[in-house]
Amino acid sequence: SYLAQDREIAWPMPVRDVVAMGLDNQPGVTIRPSSEDADRMADILWQCGLEHLTDRPANALSGGERSRVLLARALLS
């Protein structure tokens, strides 16, 4: 995975949806995580300290929080 230094997130997507994008490398495909993927994603969100932010729009977070969201997405992939 690639984690850019620029931490801009342009879309008002919930944090959980941005992180879930790490599950799929094909653009335009709807992401439906398996129960195993969902468990792994929950663990990564917890490890990155994001479990309480899952419903917040990712583009409304602080710079550090956005960095953790993008790190979680990279770890999930």
Protein backbone atom coordinates (compact mmCIF):
# COMPACT_ATOMS: atom_id res chain seq x y z
CA SER A 1 0.00 0.00 0.00
CA TYR A 2 0.96 3.60 -0.50
CA LEU A 3 0.40 6.25 2.15
CA ALA A 4 0.87 9.74 0.75
CA GLN A 5 2.27 12.52 2.86
CA ASP A 6 -0.59 14.77 1.68
CA ARG A 7 -3.56 13.88 3.88
CA GLU A 8 -6.42 15.45 1.95
CA ILE A 9 -9.70 13.51 1.81
CA ALA A 10 -12.03 15.20 -0.65
CA TRP A 11 -15.28 13.29 -0.09
CA PRO A 12 -17.64 13.56 2.90
CA MET A 13 -17.56 9.76 3.38
CA PRO A 14 -17.78 8.19 6.84
CA VAL A 15 -14.45 7.02 8.24
CA ARG A 16 -15.53 3.37 8.07
CA ASP A 17 -16.18 3.68 4.31
CA VAL A 18 -12.82 5.30 3.63
CA VAL A 19 -11.05 2.55 5.59
CA ALA A 20 -13.12 -0.15 3.85
CA MET A 21 -11.74 1.10 0.52
CA GLY A 22 -8.58 -0.77 1.53
CA LEU A 23 -10.43 -4.04 0.97
CA ASP A 24 -10.80 -3.56 -2.76
CA ASN A 25 -8.36 -2.52 -5.45
CA GLN A 26 -10.92 -2.28 -8.26
CA PRO A 27 -12.43 1.19 -8.77
CA GLY A 28 -16.19 1.35 -9.03
CA VAL A 29 -16.86 -1.91 -7.19
CA THR A 30 -19.20 -1.80 -4.19
CA ILE A 31 -17.38 -2.91 -1.06
CA ARG A 32 -19.21 -5.52 1.01
CA PRO A 33 -16.83 -6.82 3.66
CA SER A 34 -17.08 -10.43 4.78
CA SER A 35 -17.49 -11.02 8.50
CA GLU A 36 -13.76 -11.82 8.67
CA ASP A 37 -12.92 -8.56 6.89
CA ALA A 38 -15.29 -6.63 9.16
CA ASP A 39 -13.59 -8.10 12.25
CA ARG A 40 -10.16 -7.25 10.87
CA MET A 41 -11.32 -3.74 10.03
CA ALA A 42 -12.73 -3.23 13.54
CA ASP A 43 -9.41 -4.36 15.01
CA ILE A 44 -7.43 -1.97 12.79
CA LEU A 45 -9.80 0.90 13.61
CA TRP A 46 -9.23 0.19 17.30
CA GLN A 47 -5.44 -0.05 16.87
CA CYS A 48 -5.43 3.30 15.08
CA GLY A 49 -7.67 4.91 17.73
CA LEU A 50 -10.52 5.51 15.30
CA GLU A 51 -13.29 3.31 16.70
CA HIS A 52 -15.19 6.34 18.05
CA LEU A 53 -14.96 8.21 14.71
CA THR A 54 -16.39 5.58 12.34
CA ASP A 55 -19.56 7.57 11.51
CA ARG A 56 -17.87 10.98 11.16
CA PRO A 57 -17.15 12.39 7.70
CA ALA A 58 -13.47 11.78 7.02
CA ASN A 59 -13.02 15.17 5.37
CA ALA A 60 -14.13 16.92 8.60
CA LEU A 61 -11.36 15.39 10.75
CA SER A 62 -8.16 17.02 11.93
CA GLY A 63 -4.96 16.40 9.97
CA GLY A 64 -3.73 13.80 12.44
CA GLU A 65 -7.05 11.97 12.44
CA ARG A 66 -7.08 11.94 8.62
CA SER A 67 -3.57 10.49 8.69
CA ARG A 68 -4.75 7.68 10.97
CA VAL A 69 -7.75 6.99 8.68
CA LEU A 70 -5.48 6.65 5.66
CA LEU A 71 -3.04 4.51 7.67
CA ALA A 72 -5.91 2.22 8.69
CA ARG A 73 -6.97 1.93 5.02
CA ALA A 74 -3.39 1.02 4.05
CA LEU A 75 -3.13 -1.56 6.86
CA LEU A 76 -6.43 -3.13 5.83
CA SER A 77 -5.22 -3.63 2.29
